[in-house]
């Protein structure tokens, strides 16, 4: 086990036993939702993973220590801190936060790195980052990390506020297979389909696990993206979601917002424009992805025979 990481007893025992473990990010706790929705969502995802017989490992950084398997008091602490004094941690931020003993919340990229260091094979999140609309030079570190860190990421596609066709192009360039779980098209985060084709459809956790295991046998150092449509009951119609996104993006451009500030601004505006329904869809996707990720983690554990 990596000595730079601090494991909860439960996660350490599960990893040593070869039991299924699913990593969870902490940015959704500090920067994703307001309190107490952030806390409720984080705990609901952990419960979903446990319900499938796997162990959740929420990853975060407290006082410079990367913790794999935050306990509930630690999750509550991050939820209450929110954005105040907690740095969003992608690859570039990890040495800063750990070296200077700061608090940090791991992004998709940051969680992938820590999870892989810990020996965790599956990570569940909502929507990954991608290429920003109208700003093709602004490419999320998530896409680059997927190209160099061999872990299976279960998500609802890229956030639909992004340029999804260009995001798929970057994933192709990075050598990342995009798998549709029960779907032939890329999910669109708030909505069930973007209409864009994916590389392969699978319909069972075992099929998804077989792809991940084959990647590892071949020694390929890239991630695998498993995309899962948001549950139908909570999905936004594509036209409604797209209208809100276009208006929110227009307002961001009008206000001169760019860089890492674009995503939280646009997501906030979409929340307003949809009367809160975008958050409902987001939370439903997160919890559903946790269920699916746990099933895939269990299937992967079977491939490795508990070794």
C-alpha atoms as a PDB file:
ATOM      1  CA  UNK A   1       0.000   0.000   0.000  1.00  0.00           C
ATOM      2  CA  UNK A   2       1.186   3.514  -0.752  1.00  0.00           C
ATOM      3  CA  UNK A   3       2.740   5.031   2.366  1.00  0.00           C
ATOM      4  CA  UNK A   4       1.787   8.581   1.373  1.00  0.00           C
ATOM      5  CA  UNK A   5      -1.901   7.744   1.796  1.00  0.00           C
ATOM      6  CA  UNK A   6      -3.921   7.402   4.982  1.00  0.00           C
ATOM      7  CA  UNK A   7      -6.510   4.620   4.824  1.00  0.00           C
ATOM      8  CA  UNK A   8      -9.552   4.065   6.966  1.00  0.00           C
ATOM      9  CA  UNK A   9      -9.417   0.695   8.719  1.00  0.00           C
ATOM     10  CA  UNK A  10     -12.404  -0.505   6.696  1.00  0.00           C
ATOM     11  CA  UNK A  11     -10.897   0.420   3.330  1.00  0.00           C
ATOM     12  CA  UNK A  12      -7.478  -0.985   4.264  1.00  0.00           C
ATOM     13  CA  UNK A  13      -9.035  -4.316   5.267  1.00  0.00           C
ATOM     14  CA  UNK A  14     -11.123  -4.484   2.079  1.00  0.00           C
ATOM     15  CA  UNK A  15      -8.138  -3.796  -0.166  1.00  0.00           C
ATOM     16  CA  UNK A  16      -5.972  -6.368   1.584  1.00  0.00           C
ATOM     17  CA  UNK A  17      -8.767  -8.931   1.246  1.00  0.00           C
ATOM     18  CA  UNK A  18      -9.370  -8.160  -2.438  1.00  0.00           C
ATOM     19  CA  UNK A  19     -12.939  -7.093  -1.676  1.00  0.00           C
ATOM     20  CA  UNK A  20     -14.714  -4.592  -3.979  1.00  0.00           C
ATOM     21  CA  UNK A  21     -14.022  -0.942  -3.188  1.00  0.00           C
ATOM     22  CA  UNK A  22     -15.391   2.120  -4.992  1.00  0.00           C
ATOM     23  CA  UNK A  23     -13.656   5.495  -4.820  1.00  0.00           C
ATOM     24  CA  UNK A  24     -15.690   8.691  -4.490  1.00  0.00           C
ATOM     25  CA  UNK A  25     -14.566  12.273  -5.016  1.00  0.00           C
ATOM     26  CA  UNK A  26     -14.874  15.066  -2.457  1.00  0.00           C
ATOM     27  CA  UNK A  27     -15.217  18.124  -4.728  1.00  0.00           C
ATOM     28  CA  UNK A  28     -18.963  17.477  -4.968  1.00  0.00           C
ATOM     29  CA  UNK A  29     -19.031  17.878  -1.169  1.00  0.00           C
ATOM     30  CA  UNK A  30     -17.167  21.192  -1.051  1.00  0.00           C
ATOM     31  CA  UNK A  31     -17.914  22.787  -4.408  1.00  0.00           C
ATOM     32  CA  UNK A  32     -20.749  20.799  -5.973  1.00  0.00           C
ATOM     33  CA  UNK A  33     -23.823  21.416  -3.841  1.00  0.00           C
ATOM     34  CA  UNK A  34     -24.853  23.771  -1.047  1.00  0.00           C
ATOM     35  CA  UNK A  35     -25.093  22.481   2.521  1.00  0.00           C
ATOM     36  CA  UNK A  36     -26.837  20.175   3.486  1.00  0.00           C
ATOM     37  CA  UNK A  37     -27.478  18.731  -0.012  1.00  0.00           C
ATOM     38  CA  UNK A  38     -23.733  18.131  -0.331  1.00  0.00           C
ATOM     39  CA  UNK A  39     -23.628  16.034   2.837  1.00  0.00           C
ATOM     40  CA  UNK A  40     -26.834  14.152   2.032  1.00  0.00           C
ATOM     41  CA  UNK A  41     -25.602  13.293  -1.481  1.00  0.00           C
ATOM     42  CA  UNK A  42     -22.191  12.097  -0.297  1.00  0.00           C
ATOM     43  CA  UNK A  43     -23.766   9.820   2.299  1.00  0.00           C
ATOM     44  CA  UNK A  44     -26.395   8.568  -0.167  1.00  0.00           C
ATOM     45  CA  UNK A  45     -23.641   7.531  -2.579  1.00  0.00           C
ATOM     46  CA  UNK A  46     -21.821   5.665   0.176  1.00  0.00           C
ATOM     47  CA  UNK A  47     -25.074   3.912   1.137  1.00  0.00           C
ATOM     48  CA  UNK A  48     -25.705   2.931  -2.492  1.00  0.00           C
ATOM     49  CA  UNK A  49     -22.271   1.295  -2.680  1.00  0.00           C
ATOM     50  CA  UNK A  50     -22.797  -0.592   0.581  1.00  0.00           C
ATOM     51  CA  UNK A  51     -26.197  -1.786  -0.636  1.00  0.00           C
ATOM     52  CA  UNK A  52     -24.402  -3.566  -3.494  1.00  0.00           C
ATOM     53  CA  UNK A  53     -21.951  -5.284  -1.158  1.00  0.00           C
ATOM     54  CA  UNK A  54     -18.950  -3.044  -1.816  1.00  0.00           C
ATOM     55  CA  UNK A  55     -17.010  -0.606   0.386  1.00  0.00           C
ATOM     56  CA  UNK A  56     -17.076   3.150  -0.335  1.00  0.00           C
ATOM     57  CA  UNK A  57     -13.821   5.114  -0.173  1.00  0.00           C
ATOM     58  CA  UNK A  58     -14.501   8.840  -0.266  1.00  0.00           C
ATOM     59  CA  UNK A  59     -11.160  10.560  -0.863  1.00  0.00           C
ATOM     60  CA  UNK A  60     -10.220  13.973   0.522  1.00  0.00           C
ATOM     61  CA  UNK A  61      -7.300  15.888   2.022  1.00  0.00           C
ATOM     62  CA  UNK A  62      -7.292  17.217   5.572  1.00  0.00           C
ATOM     63  CA  UNK A  63      -4.281  19.088   6.940  1.00  0.00           C
ATOM     64  CA  UNK A  64      -2.205  17.812   4.035  1.00  0.00           C
ATOM     65  CA  UNK A  65      -3.072  14.142   4.539  1.00  0.00           C
ATOM     66  CA  UNK A  66      -4.676  12.284   1.623  1.00  0.00           C
ATOM     67  CA  UNK A  67      -7.347  10.177   3.280  1.00  0.00           C
ATOM     68  CA  UNK A  68      -8.750   7.167   1.434  1.00  0.00           C
ATOM     69  CA  UNK A  69     -12.035   6.445   3.159  1.00  0.00           C
ATOM     70  CA  UNK A  70     -13.190   9.580   4.941  1.00  0.00           C
ATOM     71  CA  UNK A  71     -15.388   8.764   7.941  1.00  0.00           C
ATOM     72  CA  UNK A  72     -18.703  10.543   8.492  1.00  0.00           C
ATOM     73  CA  UNK A  73     -17.324  13.239  10.848  1.00  0.00           C
ATOM     74  CA  UNK A  74     -14.638  14.040   8.243  1.00  0.00           C
ATOM     75  CA  UNK A  75     -17.219  14.201   5.451  1.00  0.00           C
ATOM     76  CA  UNK A  76     -19.360  16.460   7.648  1.00  0.00           C
ATOM     77  CA  UNK A  77     -16.349  18.690   8.273  1.00  0.00           C
ATOM     78  CA  UNK A  78     -15.726  19.139   4.549  1.00  0.00           C
ATOM     79  CA  UNK A  79     -19.445  19.671   3.923  1.00  0.00           C
ATOM     80  CA  UNK A  80     -19.569  22.449   6.509  1.00  0.00           C
ATOM     81  CA  UNK A  81     -16.354  24.078   5.268  1.00  0.00           C
ATOM     82  CA  UNK A  82     -17.586  24.113   1.678  1.00  0.00           C
ATOM     83  CA  UNK A  83     -15.408  26.290  -0.528  1.00  0.00           C
ATOM     84  CA  UNK A  84     -13.982  28.198   2.430  1.00  0.00           C
ATOM     85  CA  UNK A  85     -10.404  27.104   2.966  1.00  0.00           C
ATOM     86  CA  UNK A  86     -10.656  23.965   0.835  1.00  0.00           C
ATOM     87  CA  UNK A  87      -8.745  23.824  -2.437  1.00  0.00           C
ATOM     88  CA  UNK A  88     -10.042  21.882  -5.443  1.00  0.00           C
ATOM     89  CA  UNK A  89      -7.315  19.337  -6.136  1.00  0.00           C
ATOM     90  CA  UNK A  90      -6.427  18.097  -9.583  1.00  0.00           C
ATOM     91  CA  UNK A  91      -2.972  16.670 -10.405  1.00  0.00           C
ATOM     92  CA  UNK A  92      -1.215  20.056 -10.202  1.00  0.00           C
ATOM     93  CA  UNK A  93      -2.689  20.819  -6.781  1.00  0.00           C
ATOM     94  CA  UNK A  94      -1.858  17.614  -4.921  1.00  0.00           C
ATOM     95  CA  UNK A  95       1.782  18.487  -4.071  1.00  0.00           C
ATOM     96  CA  UNK A  96       0.770  22.011  -3.048  1.00  0.00           C
ATOM     97  CA  UNK A  97      -1.948  20.915  -0.653  1.00  0.00           C
ATOM     98  CA  UNK A  98      -0.017  17.998   0.816  1.00  0.00           C
ATOM     99  CA  UNK A  99       3.272  19.887   1.025  1.00  0.00           C
ATOM    100  CA  UNK A 100       1.734  22.919   2.735  1.00  0.00           C
ATOM    101  CA  UNK A 101      -0.632  20.883   4.971  1.00  0.00           C
ATOM    102  CA  UNK A 102      -3.797  22.409   3.525  1.00  0.00           C
ATOM    103  CA  UNK A 103      -7.331  21.068   3.137  1.00  0.00           C
ATOM    104  CA  UNK A 104      -8.238  19.767  -0.302  1.00  0.00           C
ATOM    105  CA  UNK A 105     -11.188  18.246  -2.158  1.00  0.00           C
ATOM    106  CA  UNK A 106     -10.279  15.899  -4.980  1.00  0.00           C
ATOM    107  CA  UNK A 107     -11.676  16.479  -8.459  1.00  0.00           C
ATOM    108  CA  UNK A 108     -12.277  13.662 -10.934  1.00  0.00           C
ATOM    109  CA  UNK A 109      -8.612  13.781 -11.961  1.00  0.00           C
ATOM    110  CA  UNK A 110      -7.362  14.085  -8.379  1.00  0.00           C
ATOM    111  CA  UNK A 111      -9.534  11.201  -7.221  1.00  0.00           C
ATOM    112  CA  UNK A 112      -8.371   8.996 -10.085  1.00  0.00           C
ATOM    113  CA  UNK A 113      -4.745   9.555  -9.080  1.00  0.00           C
ATOM    114  CA  UNK A 114      -5.282   8.852  -5.382  1.00  0.00           C
ATOM    115  CA  UNK A 115      -7.532   5.858  -6.066  1.00  0.00           C
ATOM    116  CA  UNK A 116      -4.985   4.302  -8.418  1.00  0.00           C
ATOM    117  CA  UNK A 117      -2.203   4.896  -5.891  1.00  0.00           C
ATOM    118  CA  UNK A 118      -4.370   3.107  -3.311  1.00  0.00           C
ATOM    119  CA  UNK A 119      -5.058   0.131  -5.573  1.00  0.00           C
ATOM    120  CA  UNK A 120      -8.755   0.933  -6.080  1.00  0.00           C
ATOM    121  CA  UNK A 121      -9.969  -0.089  -9.543  1.00  0.00           C
ATOM    122  CA  UNK A 122     -13.345   1.693  -9.811  1.00  0.00           C
ATOM    123  CA  UNK A 123     -14.420   5.297  -9.219  1.00  0.00           C
ATOM    124  CA  UNK A 124     -17.976   6.676  -9.340  1.00  0.00           C
ATOM    125  CA  UNK A 125     -18.792  10.297 -10.109  1.00  0.00           C
ATOM    126  CA  UNK A 126     -21.493  12.413 -11.768  1.00  0.00           C
ATOM    127  CA  UNK A 127     -20.187  13.981 -14.966  1.00  0.00           C
ATOM    128  CA  UNK A 128     -16.556  14.327 -15.981  1.00  0.00           C
ATOM    129  CA  UNK A 129     -15.023  17.557 -17.259  1.00  0.00           C
ATOM    130  CA  UNK A 130     -14.390  18.104 -20.947  1.00  0.00           C
ATOM    131  CA  UNK A 131     -13.905  20.751 -23.609  1.00  0.00           C
ATOM    132  CA  UNK A 132     -15.722  24.012 -22.912  1.00  0.00           C
ATOM    133  CA  UNK A 133     -18.245  25.295 -25.443  1.00  0.00           C
ATOM    134  CA  UNK A 134     -16.837  28.104 -27.544  1.00  0.00           C
ATOM    135  CA  UNK A 135     -13.419  27.696 -25.893  1.00  0.00           C
ATOM    136  CA  UNK A 136     -11.806  24.634 -27.517  1.00  0.00           C
ATOM    137  CA  UNK A 137      -8.454  25.481 -25.941  1.00  0.00           C
ATOM    138  CA  UNK A 138      -9.993  24.973 -22.485  1.00  0.00           C
ATOM    139  CA  UNK A 139      -9.675  21.224 -21.960  1.00  0.00           C
ATOM    140  CA  UNK A 140     -10.350  19.684 -18.553  1.00  0.00           C
ATOM    141  CA  UNK A 141      -7.512  17.873 -16.786  1.00  0.00           C
ATOM    142  CA  UNK A 142     -10.005  15.009 -16.346  1.00  0.00           C
ATOM    143  CA  UNK A 143      -9.588  14.036 -20.003  1.00  0.00           C
ATOM    144  CA  UNK A 144      -5.800  14.026 -19.819  1.00  0.00           C
ATOM    145  CA  UNK A 145      -5.874  11.998 -16.605  1.00  0.00           C
ATOM    146  CA  UNK A 146      -8.153   9.429 -18.210  1.00  0.00           C
ATOM    147  CA  UNK A 147      -5.449   8.998 -20.834  1.00  0.00           C
ATOM    148  CA  UNK A 148      -2.751   8.072 -18.326  1.00  0.00           C
ATOM    149  CA  UNK A 149      -4.331   6.521 -15.231  1.00  0.00           C
ATOM    150  CA  UNK A 150      -5.706   2.954 -15.528  1.00  0.00           C
ATOM    151  CA  UNK A 151      -8.916   3.047 -13.533  1.00  0.00           C
ATOM    152  CA  UNK A 152     -12.564   2.526 -14.461  1.00  0.00           C
ATOM    153  CA  UNK A 153     -14.605   5.716 -14.107  1.00  0.00           C
ATOM    154  CA  UNK A 154     -18.383   5.343 -13.924  1.00  0.00           C
ATOM    155  CA  UNK A 155     -20.253   8.538 -14.799  1.00  0.00           C
ATOM    156  CA  UNK A 156     -23.262  10.004 -16.611  1.00  0.00           C
ATOM    157  CA  UNK A 157     -21.049  11.211 -19.446  1.00  0.00           C
ATOM    158  CA  UNK A 158     -19.375  14.597 -19.531  1.00  0.00           C
ATOM    159  CA  UNK A 159     -21.250  17.562 -18.104  1.00  0.00           C
ATOM    160  CA  UNK A 160     -23.646  18.577 -20.862  1.00  0.00           C
ATOM    161  CA  UNK A 161     -22.710  22.252 -20.454  1.00  0.00           C
ATOM    162  CA  UNK A 162     -19.553  21.239 -22.351  1.00  0.00           C
ATOM    163  CA  UNK A 163     -18.846  20.617 -26.029  1.00  0.00           C
ATOM    164  CA  UNK A 164     -19.618  16.907 -26.100  1.00  0.00           C
ATOM    165  CA  UNK A 165     -18.435  16.132 -29.679  1.00  0.00           C
ATOM    166  CA  UNK A 166     -15.059  17.772 -29.005  1.00  0.00           C
ATOM    167  CA  UNK A 167     -14.841  16.038 -25.640  1.00  0.00           C
ATOM    168  CA  UNK A 168     -15.258  12.674 -27.376  1.00  0.00           C
ATOM    169  CA  UNK A 169     -12.548  13.662 -29.864  1.00  0.00           C
ATOM    170  CA  UNK A 170     -10.097  14.371 -27.044  1.00  0.00           C
ATOM    171  CA  UNK A 171     -10.962  11.091 -25.321  1.00  0.00           C
ATOM    172  CA  UNK A 172     -10.278   9.275 -28.609  1.00  0.00           C
ATOM    173  CA  UNK A 173      -6.918  11.034 -28.927  1.00  0.00           C
ATOM    174  CA  UNK A 174      -6.084  10.017 -25.359  1.00  0.00           C
ATOM    175  CA  UNK A 175      -6.919   6.388 -26.182  1.00  0.00           C
ATOM    176  CA  UNK A 176      -9.811   6.170 -23.719  1.00  0.00           C
ATOM    177  CA  UNK A 177     -12.582   3.686 -24.586  1.00  0.00           C
ATOM    178  CA  UNK A 178     -16.028   5.135 -23.953  1.00  0.00           C
ATOM    179  CA  UNK A 179     -18.425   2.386 -22.910  1.00  0.00           C
ATOM    180  CA  UNK A 180     -22.202   2.803 -22.819  1.00  0.00           C
ATOM    181  CA  UNK A 181     -23.843   0.936 -19.955  1.00  0.00           C
ATOM    182  CA  UNK A 182     -27.194  -0.158 -21.366  1.00  0.00           C
ATOM    183  CA  UNK A 183     -27.012   2.535 -24.029  1.00  0.00           C
ATOM    184  CA  UNK A 184     -25.741   2.952 -27.605  1.00  0.00           C
ATOM    185  CA  UNK A 185     -25.187   6.697 -27.245  1.00  0.00           C
ATOM    186  CA  UNK A 186     -23.326   8.998 -24.888  1.00  0.00           C
ATOM    187  CA  UNK A 187     -25.507  10.074 -21.965  1.00  0.00           C
ATOM    188  CA  UNK A 188     -25.844  13.845 -21.630  1.00  0.00           C
ATOM    189  CA  UNK A 189     -25.547  14.210 -17.846  1.00  0.00           C
ATOM    190  CA  UNK A 190     -28.966  15.768 -17.115  1.00  0.00           C
ATOM    191  CA  UNK A 191     -30.535  13.881 -20.039  1.00  0.00           C
ATOM    192  CA  UNK A 192     -30.380  10.232 -21.025  1.00  0.00           C
ATOM    193  CA  UNK A 193     -28.861  10.653 -24.486  1.00  0.00           C
ATOM    194  CA  UNK A 194     -26.781  13.140 -26.442  1.00  0.00           C
ATOM    195  CA  UNK A 195     -27.317  11.208 -29.655  1.00  0.00           C
ATOM    196  CA  UNK A 196     -23.550  10.791 -30.002  1.00  0.00           C
ATOM    197  CA  UNK A 197     -22.166   7.288 -30.568  1.00  0.00           C
ATOM    198  CA  UNK A 198     -19.926   5.562 -28.040  1.00  0.00           C
ATOM    199  CA  UNK A 199     -17.260   2.908 -28.649  1.00  0.00           C
ATOM    200  CA  UNK A 200     -19.086  -0.089 -27.220  1.00  0.00           C
ATOM    201  CA  UNK A 201     -22.295  -0.953 -25.433  1.00  0.00           C
ATOM    202  CA  UNK A 202     -22.312  -3.336 -22.459  1.00  0.00           C
ATOM    203  CA  UNK A 203     -25.355  -4.526 -20.574  1.00  0.00           C
ATOM    204  CA  UNK A 204     -23.944  -6.218 -17.487  1.00  0.00           C
ATOM    205  CA  UNK A 205     -21.362  -5.444 -14.784  1.00  0.00           C
ATOM    206  CA  UNK A 206     -19.434  -8.525 -15.908  1.00  0.00           C
ATOM    207  CA  UNK A 207     -19.038  -7.161 -19.435  1.00  0.00           C
ATOM    208  CA  UNK A 208     -17.748  -3.831 -18.114  1.00  0.00           C
ATOM    209  CA  UNK A 209     -15.388  -5.682 -15.778  1.00  0.00           C
ATOM    210  CA  UNK A 210     -14.093  -7.810 -18.665  1.00  0.00           C
ATOM    211  CA  UNK A 211     -13.022  -4.669 -20.544  1.00  0.00           C
ATOM    212  CA  UNK A 212     -11.226  -3.295 -17.475  1.00  0.00           C
ATOM    213  CA  UNK A 213      -9.490  -6.596 -16.772  1.00  0.00           C
ATOM    214  CA  UNK A 214      -8.361  -6.901 -20.404  1.00  0.00           C
ATOM    215  CA  UNK A 215      -6.891  -3.385 -20.259  1.00  0.00           C
ATOM    216  CA  UNK A 216      -4.855  -4.384 -17.227  1.00  0.00           C
ATOM    217  CA  UNK A 217      -3.689  -7.671 -18.766  1.00  0.00           C
ATOM    218  CA  UNK A 218      -2.484  -5.762 -21.814  1.00  0.00           C
ATOM    219  CA  UNK A 219      -0.600  -3.332 -19.598  1.00  0.00           C
ATOM    220  CA  UNK A 220      -2.396  -0.318 -21.081  1.00  0.00           C
ATOM    221  CA  UNK A 221      -2.008   2.820 -18.968  1.00  0.00           C
ATOM    222  CA  UNK A 222      -5.298   4.557 -19.672  1.00  0.00           C
ATOM    223  CA  UNK A 223      -8.658   4.750 -17.980  1.00  0.00           C
ATOM    224  CA  UNK A 224     -11.941   3.223 -19.075  1.00  0.00           C
ATOM    225  CA  UNK A 225     -15.020   5.426 -19.110  1.00  0.00           C
ATOM    226  CA  UNK A 226     -18.322   3.671 -18.360  1.00  0.00           C
ATOM    227  CA  UNK A 227     -21.218   6.010 -19.080  1.00  0.00           C
ATOM    228  CA  UNK A 228     -24.607   5.406 -17.470  1.00  0.00           C
ATOM    229  CA  UNK A 229     -27.821   7.286 -18.380  1.00  0.00           C
ATOM    230  CA  UNK A 230     -29.494   9.230 -15.572  1.00  0.00           C
ATOM    231  CA  UNK A 231     -32.608   7.399 -14.269  1.00  0.00           C
ATOM    232  CA  UNK A 232     -35.531   8.164 -16.544  1.00  0.00           C
ATOM    233  CA  UNK A 233     -37.780   9.458 -13.762  1.00  0.00           C
ATOM    234  CA  UNK A 234     -35.317  12.249 -12.916  1.00  0.00           C
ATOM    235  CA  UNK A 235     -33.928  13.071 -16.362  1.00  0.00           C
ATOM    236  CA  UNK A 236     -34.431  16.444 -17.999  1.00  0.00           C
ATOM    237  CA  UNK A 237     -35.785  16.512 -21.560  1.00  0.00           C
ATOM    238  CA  UNK A 238     -32.907  17.214 -23.944  1.00  0.00           C
ATOM    239  CA  UNK A 239     -34.506  20.362 -25.387  1.00  0.00           C
ATOM    240  CA  UNK A 240     -35.141  21.862 -21.945  1.00  0.00           C
ATOM    241  CA  UNK A 241     -31.629  21.115 -20.742  1.00  0.00           C
ATOM    242  CA  UNK A 242     -30.026  22.464 -23.919  1.00  0.00           C
ATOM    243  CA  UNK A 243     -32.025  25.713 -23.820  1.00  0.00           C
ATOM    244  CA  UNK A 244     -30.923  26.356 -20.230  1.00  0.00           C
ATOM    245  CA  UNK A 245     -27.291  25.515 -21.036  1.00  0.00           C
ATOM    246  CA  UNK A 246     -27.186  27.827 -24.053  1.00  0.00           C
ATOM    247  CA  UNK A 247     -28.612  30.710 -22.038  1.00  0.00           C
ATOM    248  CA  UNK A 248     -26.246  30.074 -19.130  1.00  0.00           C
ATOM    249  CA  UNK A 249     -23.265  29.894 -21.511  1.00  0.00           C
ATOM    250  CA  UNK A 250     -24.338  33.154 -23.154  1.00  0.00           C
ATOM    251  CA  UNK A 251     -24.502  34.849 -19.749  1.00  0.00           C
ATOM    252  CA  UNK A 252     -21.028  33.553 -18.883  1.00  0.00           C
ATOM    253  CA  UNK A 253     -19.570  34.941 -22.109  1.00  0.00           C
ATOM    254  CA  UNK A 254     -21.384  38.228 -21.557  1.00  0.00           C
ATOM    255  CA  UNK A 255     -19.893  38.497 -18.064  1.00  0.00           C
ATOM    256  CA  UNK A 256     -16.393  37.647 -19.322  1.00  0.00           C
ATOM    257  CA  UNK A 257     -16.148  34.538 -17.146  1.00  0.00           C
ATOM    258  CA  UNK A 258     -13.500  32.050 -18.252  1.00  0.00           C
ATOM    259  CA  UNK A 259     -11.168  29.297 -17.091  1.00  0.00           C
ATOM    260  CA  UNK A 260     -12.047  27.289 -14.020  1.00  0.00           C
ATOM    261  CA  UNK A 261     -14.832  29.722 -13.108  1.00  0.00           C
ATOM    262  CA  UNK A 262     -16.948  28.813 -16.149  1.00  0.00           C
ATOM    263  CA  UNK A 263     -18.242  25.447 -14.960  1.00  0.00           C
ATOM    264  CA  UNK A 264     -19.550  26.517 -11.521  1.00  0.00           C
ATOM    265  CA  UNK A 265     -21.102  29.687 -13.023  1.00  0.00           C
ATOM    266  CA  UNK A 266     -22.886  27.839 -15.826  1.00  0.00           C
ATOM    267  CA  UNK A 267     -24.042  25.018 -13.543  1.00  0.00           C
ATOM    268  CA  UNK A 268     -25.449  27.607 -11.130  1.00  0.00           C
ATOM    269  CA  UNK A 269     -27.328  29.400 -13.878  1.00  0.00           C
ATOM    270  CA  UNK A 270     -28.710  26.126 -15.258  1.00  0.00           C
ATOM    271  CA  UNK A 271     -29.941  25.333 -11.755  1.00  0.00           C
ATOM    272  CA  UNK A 272     -31.831  28.653 -11.667  1.00  0.00           C
ATOM    273  CA  UNK A 273     -33.206  28.315 -15.181  1.00  0.00           C
ATOM    274  CA  UNK A 274     -34.537  24.796 -14.579  1.00  0.00           C
ATOM    275  CA  UNK A 275     -36.083  25.622 -11.228  1.00  0.00           C
ATOM    276  CA  UNK A 276     -33.790  23.209  -9.421  1.00  0.00           C
ATOM    277  CA  UNK A 277     -34.557  20.224 -11.660  1.00  0.00           C
ATOM    278  CA  UNK A 278     -30.964  20.060 -12.903  1.00  0.00           C
ATOM    279  CA  UNK A 279     -29.781  19.397  -9.345  1.00  0.00           C
ATOM    280  CA  UNK A 280     -32.393  16.676  -8.921  1.00  0.00           C
ATOM    281  CA  UNK A 281     -31.121  14.990 -12.102  1.00  0.00           C
ATOM    282  CA  UNK A 282     -27.507  15.426 -10.993  1.00  0.00           C
ATOM    283  CA  UNK A 283     -28.080  13.803  -7.596  1.00  0.00           C
ATOM    284  CA  UNK A 284     -30.084  10.956  -9.132  1.00  0.00           C
ATOM    285  CA  UNK A 285     -27.236  10.281 -11.567  1.00  0.00           C
ATOM    286  CA  UNK A 286     -24.628  10.325  -8.793  1.00  0.00           C
ATOM    287  CA  UNK A 287     -26.487   7.795  -6.658  1.00  0.00           C
ATOM    288  CA  UNK A 288     -27.305   5.570  -9.636  1.00  0.00           C
ATOM    289  CA  UNK A 289     -23.678   5.645 -10.783  1.00  0.00           C
ATOM    290  CA  UNK A 290     -22.603   4.572  -7.294  1.00  0.00           C
ATOM    291  CA  UNK A 291     -24.880   1.520  -7.538  1.00  0.00           C
ATOM    292  CA  UNK A 292     -23.519   0.571 -10.970  1.00  0.00           C
ATOM    293  CA  UNK A 293     -19.889   1.201  -9.955  1.00  0.00           C
ATOM    294  CA  UNK A 294     -20.267  -1.107  -6.955  1.00  0.00           C
ATOM    295  CA  UNK A 295     -21.660  -3.852  -9.180  1.00  0.00           C
ATOM    296  CA  UNK A 296     -18.748  -3.445 -11.595  1.00  0.00           C
ATOM    297  CA  UNK A 297     -16.236  -3.405  -8.719  1.00  0.00           C
ATOM    298  CA  UNK A 298     -17.694  -6.682  -7.455  1.00  0.00           C
ATOM    299  CA  UNK A 299     -17.394  -8.213 -10.913  1.00  0.00           C
ATOM    300  CA  UNK A 300     -13.786  -7.001 -11.239  1.00  0.00           C
ATOM    301  CA  UNK A 301     -12.967  -8.528  -7.840  1.00  0.00           C
ATOM    302  CA  UNK A 302     -14.199 -11.851  -9.215  1.00  0.00           C
ATOM    303  CA  UNK A 303     -11.830 -11.527 -12.202  1.00  0.00           C
ATOM    304  CA  UNK A 304      -8.881 -11.060  -9.862  1.00  0.00           C
ATOM    305  CA  UNK A 305     -10.003 -13.828  -7.520  1.00  0.00           C
ATOM    306  CA  UNK A 306      -9.429 -11.776  -4.368  1.00  0.00           C
ATOM    307  CA  UNK A 307      -5.718 -11.494  -5.086  1.00  0.00           C
END
